[in-house]
PDB file of all heavy atoms in Angstrom:
ATOM      1  N   ARG A   1      14.689  -6.945 -11.083  1.00  0.00           N
ATOM      2  CA  ARG A   1      14.439  -6.500  -9.633  1.00  0.00           C
ATOM      3  C   ARG A   1      12.992  -6.507  -9.363  1.00  0.00           C
ATOM      4  O   ARG A   1      12.567  -6.839  -8.195  1.00  0.00           O
ATOM      5  CB  ARG A   1      15.060  -5.190  -9.415  1.00  0.00           C
ATOM      6  CG  ARG A   1      16.557  -5.151  -9.384  1.00  0.00           C
ATOM      7  CD  ARG A   1      17.181  -3.765  -9.240  1.00  0.00           C
ATOM      8  NE  ARG A   1      16.764  -3.121  -7.977  1.00  0.00           N
ATOM      9  CZ  ARG A   1      16.777  -1.813  -7.857  1.00  0.00           C
ATOM     10  NH1 ARG A   1      17.182  -0.994  -8.797  1.00  0.00           N
ATOM     11  NH2 ARG A   1      16.398  -1.226  -6.726  1.00  0.00           N
ATOM     12  N   GLY A   2      12.179  -6.144 -10.328  1.00  0.00           N
ATOM     13  CA  GLY A   2      10.736  -6.127 -10.077  1.00  0.00           C
ATOM     14  C   GLY A   2      10.159  -7.545  -9.819  1.00  0.00           C
ATOM     15  O   GLY A   2       9.173  -7.694  -9.138  1.00  0.00           O
ATOM     16  N   GLY A   3      10.842  -8.568 -10.367  1.00  0.00           N
ATOM     17  CA  GLY A   3      10.395  -9.973 -10.204  1.00  0.00           C
ATOM     18  C   GLY A   3      11.043 -10.632  -9.028  1.00  0.00           C
ATOM     19  O   GLY A   3      10.732 -11.797  -8.739  1.00  0.00           O
ATOM     20  N   ALA A   4      11.928  -9.951  -8.311  1.00  0.00           N
ATOM     21  CA  ALA A   4      12.609 -10.520  -7.196  1.00  0.00           C
ATOM     22  C   ALA A   4      11.694 -10.816  -6.017  1.00  0.00           C
ATOM     23  O   ALA A   4      10.771 -10.047  -5.820  1.00  0.00           O
ATOM     24  CB  ALA A   4      13.786  -9.677  -6.801  1.00  0.00           C
ATOM     25  N   PRO A   5      11.945 -11.864  -5.250  1.00  0.00           N
ATOM     26  CA  PRO A   5      11.109 -12.126  -4.125  1.00  0.00           C
ATOM     27  C   PRO A   5      10.937 -10.968  -3.120  1.00  0.00           C
ATOM     28  O   PRO A   5       9.832 -10.707  -2.623  1.00  0.00           O
ATOM     29  CB  PRO A   5      11.832 -13.316  -3.377  1.00  0.00           C
ATOM     30  CG  PRO A   5      12.604 -13.987  -4.543  1.00  0.00           C
ATOM     31  CD  PRO A   5      13.058 -12.866  -5.448  1.00  0.00           C
ATOM     32  N   GLU A   6      11.998 -10.203  -2.895  1.00  0.00           N
ATOM     33  CA  GLU A   6      11.892  -9.129  -1.956  1.00  0.00           C
ATOM     34  C   GLU A   6      10.957  -7.978  -2.478  1.00  0.00           C
ATOM     35  O   GLU A   6      10.297  -7.335  -1.707  1.00  0.00           O
ATOM     36  CB  GLU A   6      13.269  -8.551  -1.560  1.00  0.00           C
ATOM     37  CG  GLU A   6      14.074  -8.033  -2.708  1.00  0.00           C
ATOM     38  CD  GLU A   6      14.989  -9.095  -3.370  1.00  0.00           C
ATOM     39  OE1 GLU A   6      14.779 -10.288  -3.201  1.00  0.00           O
ATOM     40  OE2 GLU A   6      15.972  -8.655  -4.013  1.00  0.00           O
ATOM     41  N   THR A   7      10.928  -7.834  -3.788  1.00  0.00           N
ATOM     42  CA  THR A   7      10.012  -6.844  -4.365  1.00  0.00           C
ATOM     43  C   THR A   7       8.589  -7.301  -4.305  1.00  0.00           C
ATOM     44  O   THR A   7       7.661  -6.500  -4.005  1.00  0.00           O
ATOM     45  CB  THR A   7      10.399  -6.494  -5.822  1.00  0.00           C
ATOM     46  OG1 THR A   7      11.835  -6.126  -5.846  1.00  0.00           O
ATOM     47  CG2 THR A   7       9.564  -5.394  -6.435  1.00  0.00           C
ATOM     48  N   LYS A   8       8.360  -8.583  -4.612  1.00  0.00           N
ATOM     49  CA  LYS A   8       7.015  -9.086  -4.490  1.00  0.00           C
ATOM     50  C   LYS A   8       6.501  -8.946  -3.085  1.00  0.00           C
ATOM     51  O   LYS A   8       5.311  -8.593  -2.815  1.00  0.00           O
ATOM     52  CB  LYS A   8       7.051 -10.614  -4.878  1.00  0.00           C
ATOM     53  CG  LYS A   8       7.351 -10.841  -6.340  1.00  0.00           C
ATOM     54  CD  LYS A   8       7.386 -12.340  -6.655  1.00  0.00           C
ATOM     55  CE  LYS A   8       7.687 -12.570  -8.092  1.00  0.00           C
ATOM     56  NZ  LYS A   8       7.776 -14.008  -8.450  1.00  0.00           N
ATOM     57  N   GLU A   9       7.355  -9.177  -2.083  1.00  0.00           N
ATOM     58  CA  GLU A   9       7.025  -9.068  -0.682  1.00  0.00           C
ATOM     59  C   GLU A   9       6.725  -7.614  -0.300  1.00  0.00           C
ATOM     60  O   GLU A   9       5.777  -7.262   0.428  1.00  0.00           O
ATOM     61  CB  GLU A   9       8.115  -9.650   0.217  1.00  0.00           C
ATOM     62  CG  GLU A   9       7.876  -9.436   1.674  1.00  0.00           C
ATOM     63  CD  GLU A   9       6.664 -10.192   2.267  1.00  0.00           C
ATOM     64  OE1 GLU A   9       6.171 -11.114   1.547  1.00  0.00           O
ATOM     65  OE2 GLU A   9       6.248  -9.867   3.362  1.00  0.00           O
ATOM     66  N   ALA A  10       7.505  -6.705  -0.893  1.00  0.00           N
ATOM     67  CA  ALA A  10       7.325  -5.291  -0.661  1.00  0.00           C
ATOM     68  C   ALA A  10       5.942  -4.825  -1.119  1.00  0.00           C
ATOM     69  O   ALA A  10       5.273  -4.107  -0.440  1.00  0.00           O
ATOM     70  CB  ALA A  10       8.435  -4.460  -1.329  1.00  0.00           C
ATOM     71  N   LEU A  11       5.561  -5.301  -2.330  1.00  0.00           N
ATOM     72  CA  LEU A  11       4.211  -4.898  -2.835  1.00  0.00           C
ATOM     73  C   LEU A  11       3.100  -5.499  -1.958  1.00  0.00           C
ATOM     74  O   LEU A  11       2.083  -4.942  -1.712  1.00  0.00           O
ATOM     75  CB  LEU A  11       4.080  -5.334  -4.305  1.00  0.00           C
ATOM     76  CG  LEU A  11       2.752  -4.976  -4.989  1.00  0.00           C
ATOM     77  CD1 LEU A  11       2.495  -3.465  -4.884  1.00  0.00           C
ATOM     78  CD2 LEU A  11       2.728  -5.462  -6.436  1.00  0.00           C
ATOM     79  N   ARG A  12       3.303  -6.751  -1.556  1.00  0.00           N
ATOM     80  CA  ARG A  12       2.309  -7.395  -0.711  1.00  0.00           C
ATOM     81  C   ARG A  12       2.169  -6.608   0.610  1.00  0.00           C
ATOM     82  O   ARG A  12       1.067  -6.327   1.034  1.00  0.00           O
ATOM     83  CB  ARG A  12       2.690  -8.849  -0.397  1.00  0.00           C
ATOM     84  CG  ARG A  12       1.635  -9.646   0.372  1.00  0.00           C
ATOM     85  CD  ARG A  12       2.083 -11.037   0.730  1.00  0.00           C
ATOM     86  NE  ARG A  12       3.185 -10.967   1.688  1.00  0.00           N
ATOM     87  CZ  ARG A  12       3.097 -10.686   3.016  1.00  0.00           C
ATOM     88  NH1 ARG A  12       1.885 -10.380   3.510  1.00  0.00           N
ATOM     89  NH2 ARG A  12       4.159 -10.696   3.767  1.00  0.00           N
ATOM     90  N   ARG A  13       3.292  -6.224   1.238  1.00  0.00           N
ATOM     91  CA  ARG A  13       3.218  -5.400   2.455  1.00  0.00           C
ATOM     92  C   ARG A  13       2.573  -4.070   2.239  1.00  0.00           C
ATOM     93  O   ARG A  13       1.839  -3.563   3.017  1.00  0.00           O
ATOM     94  CB  ARG A  13       4.640  -5.236   3.026  1.00  0.00           C
ATOM     95  CG  ARG A  13       5.145  -6.438   3.708  1.00  0.00           C
ATOM     96  CD  ARG A  13       6.388  -6.136   4.616  1.00  0.00           C
ATOM     97  NE  ARG A  13       7.322  -5.287   3.983  1.00  0.00           N
ATOM     98  CZ  ARG A  13       8.406  -5.729   3.265  1.00  0.00           C
ATOM     99  NH1 ARG A  13       8.563  -7.030   3.093  1.00  0.00           N
ATOM    100  NH2 ARG A  13       9.247  -4.905   2.722  1.00  0.00           N
ATOM    101  N   GLN A  14       2.878  -3.490   1.043  1.00  0.00           N
ATOM    102  CA  GLN A  14       2.289  -2.167   0.697  1.00  0.00           C
ATOM    103  C   GLN A  14       0.776  -2.295   0.618  1.00  0.00           C
ATOM    104  O   GLN A  14       0.026  -1.407   1.095  1.00  0.00           O
ATOM    105  CB  GLN A  14       2.858  -1.693  -0.617  1.00  0.00           C
ATOM    106  CG  GLN A  14       2.492  -0.320  -1.036  1.00  0.00           C
ATOM    107  CD  GLN A  14       3.568   0.675  -0.638  1.00  0.00           C
ATOM    108  OE1 GLN A  14       4.002   0.735   0.533  1.00  0.00           O
ATOM    109  NE2 GLN A  14       4.027   1.481  -1.545  1.00  0.00           N
ATOM    110  N   THR A  15       0.316  -3.359   0.010  1.00  0.00           N
ATOM    111  CA  THR A  15      -1.162  -3.607  -0.059  1.00  0.00           C
ATOM    112  C   THR A  15      -1.756  -3.803   1.269  1.00  0.00           C
ATOM    113  O   THR A  15      -2.877  -3.278   1.590  1.00  0.00           O
ATOM    114  CB  THR A  15      -1.440  -4.725  -0.989  1.00  0.00           C
ATOM    115  OG1 THR A  15      -0.900  -4.440  -2.337  1.00  0.00           O
ATOM    116  CG2 THR A  15      -2.948  -5.002  -1.130  1.00  0.00           C
ATOM    117  N   GLU A  16      -1.054  -4.518   2.195  1.00  0.00           N
ATOM    118  CA  GLU A  16      -1.525  -4.683   3.499  1.00  0.00           C
ATOM    119  C   GLU A  16      -1.625  -3.381   4.259  1.00  0.00           C
ATOM    120  O   GLU A  16      -2.511  -3.106   5.075  1.00  0.00           O
ATOM    121  CB  GLU A  16      -0.601  -5.645   4.290  1.00  0.00           C
ATOM    122  CG  GLU A  16      -0.792  -7.110   3.825  1.00  0.00           C
ATOM    123  CD  GLU A  16       0.269  -8.074   4.446  1.00  0.00           C
ATOM    124  OE1 GLU A  16       1.143  -7.575   5.146  1.00  0.00           O
ATOM    125  OE2 GLU A  16       0.142  -9.260   4.179  1.00  0.00           O
ATOM    126  N   ARG A  17      -0.617  -2.463   4.038  1.00  0.00           N
ATOM    127  CA  ARG A  17      -0.613  -1.133   4.653  1.00  0.00           C
ATOM    128  C   ARG A  17      -1.813  -0.320   4.180  1.00  0.00           C
ATOM    129  O   ARG A  17      -2.441   0.375   4.957  1.00  0.00           O
ATOM    130  CB  ARG A  17       0.701  -0.391   4.336  1.00  0.00           C
ATOM    131  CG  ARG A  17       1.795  -0.603   5.331  1.00  0.00           C
ATOM    132  CD  ARG A  17       2.938   0.362   5.079  1.00  0.00           C
ATOM    133  NE  ARG A  17       2.623   1.682   5.558  1.00  0.00           N
ATOM    134  CZ  ARG A  17       3.028   2.801   4.931  1.00  0.00           C
ATOM    135  NH1 ARG A  17       3.792   2.775   3.859  1.00  0.00           N
ATOM    136  NH2 ARG A  17       2.729   3.982   5.458  1.00  0.00           N
ATOM    137  N   ALA A  18      -2.085  -0.481   2.891  1.00  0.00           N
ATOM    138  CA  ALA A  18      -3.298   0.211   2.323  1.00  0.00           C
ATOM    139  C   ALA A  18      -4.564  -0.209   3.121  1.00  0.00           C
ATOM    140  O   ALA A  18      -5.358   0.623   3.459  1.00  0.00           O
ATOM    141  CB  ALA A  18      -3.396  -0.015   0.821  1.00  0.00           C
ATOM    142  N   ILE A  19      -4.722  -1.458   3.255  1.00  0.00           N
ATOM    143  CA  ILE A  19      -5.840  -2.011   4.026  1.00  0.00           C
ATOM    144  C   ILE A  19      -5.851  -1.473   5.418  1.00  0.00           C
ATOM    145  O   ILE A  19      -6.941  -1.101   5.954  1.00  0.00           O
ATOM    146  CB  ILE A  19      -5.850  -3.539   3.997  1.00  0.00           C
ATOM    147  CG1 ILE A  19      -6.058  -4.018   2.557  1.00  0.00           C
ATOM    148  CG2 ILE A  19      -6.884  -4.132   4.912  1.00  0.00           C
ATOM    149  CD1 ILE A  19      -5.781  -5.491   2.343  1.00  0.00           C
ATOM    150  N   GLU A  20      -4.700  -1.442   6.103  1.00  0.00           N
ATOM    151  CA  GLU A  20      -4.653  -0.896   7.502  1.00  0.00           C
ATOM    152  C   GLU A  20      -5.065   0.592   7.523  1.00  0.00           C
ATOM    153  O   GLU A  20      -5.683   0.996   8.474  1.00  0.00           O
ATOM    154  CB  GLU A  20      -3.213  -1.056   8.034  1.00  0.00           C
ATOM    155  CG  GLU A  20      -2.854  -2.496   8.307  1.00  0.00           C
ATOM    156  CD  GLU A  20      -1.351  -2.666   8.588  1.00  0.00           C
ATOM    157  OE1 GLU A  20      -0.615  -1.605   8.635  1.00  0.00           O
ATOM    158  OE2 GLU A  20      -0.898  -3.833   8.629  1.00  0.00           O
ATOM    159  N   PHE A  21      -4.737   1.322   6.472  1.00  0.00           N
ATOM    160  CA  PHE A  21      -5.131   2.784   6.422  1.00  0.00           C
ATOM    161  C   PHE A  21      -6.613   2.888   6.177  1.00  0.00           C
ATOM    162  O   PHE A  21      -7.142   3.995   6.264  1.00  0.00           O
ATOM    163  CB  PHE A  21      -4.386   3.509   5.335  1.00  0.00           C
ATOM    164  CG  PHE A  21      -3.010   4.010   5.713  1.00  0.00           C
ATOM    165  CD1 PHE A  21      -1.947   3.735   4.849  1.00  0.00           C
ATOM    166  CD2 PHE A  21      -2.782   4.699   6.870  1.00  0.00           C
ATOM    167  CE1 PHE A  21      -0.662   4.226   5.205  1.00  0.00           C
ATOM    168  CE2 PHE A  21      -1.522   5.153   7.174  1.00  0.00           C
ATOM    169  CZ  PHE A  21      -0.465   4.929   6.375  1.00  0.00           C
ATOM    170  N   GLY A  22      -7.292   1.810   5.779  1.00  0.00           N
ATOM    171  CA  GLY A  22      -8.736   1.903   5.446  1.00  0.00           C
ATOM    172  C   GLY A  22      -8.945   2.258   3.999  1.00  0.00           C
ATOM    173  O   GLY A  22     -10.055   2.689   3.648  1.00  0.00           O
ATOM    174  N   ILE A  23      -7.914   2.131   3.141  1.00  0.00           N
ATOM    175  CA  ILE A  23      -8.063   2.447   1.690  1.00  0.00           C
ATOM    176  C   ILE A  23      -8.924   1.372   1.115  1.00  0.00           C
ATOM    177  O   ILE A  23      -8.772   0.173   1.283  1.00  0.00           O
ATOM    178  CB  ILE A  23      -6.696   2.506   1.033  1.00  0.00           C
ATOM    179  CG1 ILE A  23      -5.925   3.772   1.581  1.00  0.00           C
ATOM    180  CG2 ILE A  23      -6.835   2.511  -0.516  1.00  0.00           C
ATOM    181  CD1 ILE A  23      -4.525   3.856   1.079  1.00  0.00           C
ATOM    182  N   PHE A  24      -9.917   1.827   0.310  1.00  0.00           N
ATOM    183  CA  PHE A  24     -10.864   0.907  -0.350  1.00  0.00           C
ATOM    184  C   PHE A  24     -10.942   1.183  -1.831  1.00  0.00           C
ATOM    185  O   PHE A  24     -11.685   0.470  -2.531  1.00  0.00           O
ATOM    186  CB  PHE A  24     -12.269   1.086   0.337  1.00  0.00           C
ATOM    187  CG  PHE A  24     -12.753   2.528   0.282  1.00  0.00           C
ATOM    188  CD1 PHE A  24     -13.449   3.031  -0.808  1.00  0.00           C
ATOM    189  CD2 PHE A  24     -12.491   3.343   1.369  1.00  0.00           C
ATOM    190  CE1 PHE A  24     -13.865   4.359  -0.795  1.00  0.00           C
ATOM    191  CE2 PHE A  24     -12.913   4.661   1.360  1.00  0.00           C
ATOM    192  CZ  PHE A  24     -13.632   5.167   0.270  1.00  0.00           C
ATOM    193  N   GLY A  25     -10.197   2.140  -2.316  1.00  0.00           N
ATOM    194  CA  GLY A  25     -10.244   2.423  -3.766  1.00  0.00           C
ATOM    195  C   GLY A  25      -9.019   3.299  -4.079  1.00  0.00           C
ATOM    196  O   GLY A  25      -8.291   3.754  -3.222  1.00  0.00           O
ATOM    197  N   ALA A  26      -8.888   3.561  -5.414  1.00  0.00           N
ATOM    198  CA  ALA A  26      -7.769   4.387  -5.868  1.00  0.00           C
ATOM    199  C   ALA A  26      -8.273   5.389  -6.887  1.00  0.00           C
ATOM    200  O   ALA A  26      -9.230   5.077  -7.614  1.00  0.00           O
ATOM    201  CB  ALA A  26      -6.722   3.448  -6.528  1.00  0.00           C
ATOM    202  N   PRO A  27      -7.644   6.582  -6.863  1.00  0.00           N
ATOM    203  CA  PRO A  27      -6.514   6.940  -6.028  1.00  0.00           C
ATOM    204  C   PRO A  27      -6.962   7.332  -4.656  1.00  0.00           C
ATOM    205  O   PRO A  27      -8.081   7.734  -4.396  1.00  0.00           O
ATOM    206  CB  PRO A  27      -5.977   8.185  -6.826  1.00  0.00           C
ATOM    207  CG  PRO A  27      -7.226   8.788  -7.369  1.00  0.00           C
ATOM    208  CD  PRO A  27      -8.095   7.638  -7.805  1.00  0.00           C
ATOM    209  N   SER A  28      -6.053   7.167  -3.736  1.00  0.00           N
ATOM    210  CA  SER A  28      -6.254   7.607  -2.376  1.00  0.00           C
ATOM    211  C   SER A  28      -4.942   8.404  -1.981  1.00  0.00           C
ATOM    212  O   SER A  28      -3.848   8.022  -2.331  1.00  0.00           O
ATOM    213  CB  SER A  28      -6.465   6.473  -1.395  1.00  0.00           C
ATOM    214  OG  SER A  28      -7.686   5.890  -1.596  1.00  0.00           O
ATOM    215  N   CYS A  29      -5.174   9.455  -1.192  1.00  0.00           N
ATOM    216  CA  CYS A  29      -4.061  10.179  -0.608  1.00  0.00           C
ATOM    217  C   CYS A  29      -4.101  10.055   0.895  1.00  0.00           C
ATOM    218  O   CYS A  29      -5.181  10.100   1.505  1.00  0.00           O
ATOM    219  CB  CYS A  29      -4.118  11.661  -0.992  1.00  0.00           C
ATOM    220  SG  CYS A  29      -3.826  11.984  -2.712  1.00  0.00           S
ATOM    221  N   VAL A  30      -2.928   9.873   1.462  1.00  0.00           N
ATOM    222  CA  VAL A  30      -2.824   9.809   2.939  1.00  0.00           C
ATOM    223  C   VAL A  30      -1.861  10.946   3.348  1.00  0.00           C
ATOM    224  O   VAL A  30      -0.745  11.013   2.800  1.00  0.00           O
ATOM    225  CB  VAL A  30      -2.347   8.489   3.446  1.00  0.00           C
ATOM    226  CG1 VAL A  30      -2.155   8.441   4.944  1.00  0.00           C
ATOM    227  CG2 VAL A  30      -3.375   7.350   3.052  1.00  0.00           C
ATOM    228  N   VAL A  31      -2.364  11.728   4.291  1.00  0.00           N
ATOM    229  CA  VAL A  31      -1.594  12.868   4.778  1.00  0.00           C
ATOM    230  C   VAL A  31      -1.641  12.764   6.316  1.00  0.00           C
ATOM    231  O   VAL A  31      -2.652  13.025   6.916  1.00  0.00           O
ATOM    232  CB  VAL A  31      -2.101  14.252   4.357  1.00  0.00           C
ATOM    233  CG1 VAL A  31      -1.204  15.376   4.847  1.00  0.00           C
ATOM    234  CG2 VAL A  31      -2.261  14.270   2.823  1.00  0.00           C
ATOM    235  N   GLY A  32      -0.482  12.395   6.910  1.00  0.00           N
ATOM    236  CA  GLY A  32      -0.491  12.302   8.388  1.00  0.00           C
ATOM    237  C   GLY A  32      -1.619  11.524   8.960  1.00  0.00           C
ATOM    238  O   GLY A  32      -2.188  11.926  10.001  1.00  0.00           O
ATOM    239  N   GLY A  33      -1.958  10.441   8.382  1.00  0.00           N
ATOM    240  CA  GLY A  33      -3.044   9.569   8.855  1.00  0.00           C
ATOM    241  C   GLY A  33      -4.448   9.941   8.374  1.00  0.00           C
ATOM    242  O   GLY A  33      -5.395   9.165   8.570  1.00  0.00           O
ATOM    243  N   GLU A  34      -4.582  11.095   7.703  1.00  0.00           N
ATOM    244  CA  GLU A  34      -5.886  11.464   7.126  1.00  0.00           C
ATOM    245  C   GLU A  34      -6.010  10.870   5.750  1.00  0.00           C
ATOM    246  O   GLU A  34      -5.068  10.943   4.947  1.00  0.00           O
ATOM    247  CB  GLU A  34      -5.962  13.022   7.033  1.00  0.00           C
ATOM    248  CG  GLU A  34      -6.110  13.732   8.298  1.00  0.00           C
ATOM    249  CD  GLU A  34      -7.506  13.590   8.911  1.00  0.00           C
ATOM    250  OE1 GLU A  34      -8.483  13.361   8.159  1.00  0.00           O
ATOM    251  OE2 GLU A  34      -7.581  13.755  10.148  1.00  0.00           O
ATOM    252  N   LEU A  35      -7.141  10.284   5.453  1.00  0.00           N
ATOM    253  CA  LEU A  35      -7.398   9.621   4.180  1.00  0.00           C
ATOM    254  C   LEU A  35      -8.292  10.540   3.268  1.00  0.00           C
ATOM    255  O   LEU A  35      -9.327  11.016   3.775  1.00  0.00           O
ATOM    256  CB  LEU A  35      -8.077   8.284   4.386  1.00  0.00           C
ATOM    257  CG  LEU A  35      -8.517   7.450   3.135  1.00  0.00           C
ATOM    258  CD1 LEU A  35      -7.242   7.102   2.333  1.00  0.00           C
ATOM    259  CD2 LEU A  35      -9.228   6.187   3.560  1.00  0.00           C
ATOM    260  N   PHE A  36      -7.815  10.685   2.056  1.00  0.00           N
ATOM    261  CA  PHE A  36      -8.619  11.434   1.011  1.00  0.00           C
ATOM    262  C   PHE A  36      -8.764  10.541  -0.171  1.00  0.00           C
ATOM    263  O   PHE A  36      -7.768  10.114  -0.781  1.00  0.00           O
ATOM    264  CB  PHE A  36      -7.879  12.735   0.634  1.00  0.00           C
ATOM    265  CG  PHE A  36      -7.678  13.688   1.743  1.00  0.00           C
ATOM    266  CD1 PHE A  36      -6.565  13.538   2.625  1.00  0.00           C
ATOM    267  CD2 PHE A  36      -8.556  14.729   1.991  1.00  0.00           C
ATOM    268  CE1 PHE A  36      -6.384  14.393   3.705  1.00  0.00           C
ATOM    269  CE2 PHE A  36      -8.359  15.664   2.945  1.00  0.00           C
ATOM    270  CZ  PHE A  36      -7.270  15.505   3.863  1.00  0.00           C
TER     271      PHE A  36
END
């Protein structure tokens, strides 16, 4: 399941969401739009 196309796409979208949140490193916490 980890190698399935839909999972690959989910991780790609997750990374795009991180960029949208302004995440630039890890770990990062997001709480209601606030970035820590």
